[in-house]
Amino acid sequence: MENENAPKKESIGDVLKKYKEATGKTVETNISNKVMPDSIPRPPVFNPQEFEKTMSKETDPDLMTSYEVIKLPSKGIFYPHKISEVNVEYMTSKDEDLLTTPSLIENGTVLDVLLRRKIKTLGITPDELLAGDRNAVILFLRTSSYGADYTVQVPDPRTGIPFKTTVDLLRLKYKEPTELPDEYGHFTVEIPMRKKTVTFRLLSSGEETLIFKKAEAIKETYNTEFNDYNTMKLKAHVMAVNEKTDRSYIDKFIDAMPALDAVTIRRKILTVSPDVDMAYEFMANDGYKFVANLSVGIDFFFPVI
């Protein structure tokens, strides 16, 4: 039995009729023709002209920094990831501000910062690159930013008198590897005085930097006249002597090593290290031609404008 005091239920039709009379608005039951309440914002009207204008700003090549794929002299052989090329972004006017920052120049980190900014391949840092691969990236940044002409002072081998000449950096080529490492990335060399077989590896540029800083710190601490960088670096290269891998033994062996043995190891390291070949054919003022290694000075990134 229904409760007579309960409110009387209205049909949907009656509710819509009352809403129509109260608001004067037509309400359709068809969803597709329904009038949206004023409180719900309507979607913006698509304007093709405005869309094209916005997209042109995002894709205008003049507003974007491009990059080049640089092949590495090492061909990725010495890296766990085996990456043989990297994406390197072209230098911009902001990078020139970086190159002229006194604090970075003074502490010797200006090129490190530049390479961290310009190498865009994920997972690759300048510190893990071999020195030769790093040199290849630096050479690209220089030639692509300031051109291939580089003015240098070269001593005439006949007289020792230096003369000024301009070299073409694009003539520099990569060194072709004469020997490949074993499965562990190691090489071996026979030393003539001690008649031993020395096993060594190549160092990354980051490792070389750390060794140099450590050598300088030791020099300052003990107030010595020179640092032990070359010997410390050689110790880091050497992994075994006649298959003896004890680090204490290796360090003592190198400290007592005859100079000829040390030179033999260093020459072999240079021979197998991938790098930019800096051998260049120069021509003196009288037309005499000779080959010498190109030396890069502090003005490498600061050509005369």
Foldseek 3Di string as FASTA:
>chain_A
DDDPPDDDDDDPVVVQVVVCVVPVDDADPPVVPGDDDPVDDDDDDDDVVVVVVVVCVVPVPVPDWAWDKFFFLVCQQQPPVSDGIWTFTADDPVLVVLLPDVVCVVVVCSLQVNQQVTTDDPPDHQQQAAPQRSQRNVLVNLCRPPNQWDKDWDQDPVPRHTDIDIDGNVVWAKDDAPDAAPPNQKDWDQFDPVRKIWIFHGHGNNVLVVLVVVQVVVCVVVVDPGGPSLLSVVLNGTQDINNHRPSVVSSVCSVPDDPSRSVRVVVVNVRRDIHTQQWDWDADPVGDIDIDGDDDDPCSNPDDD
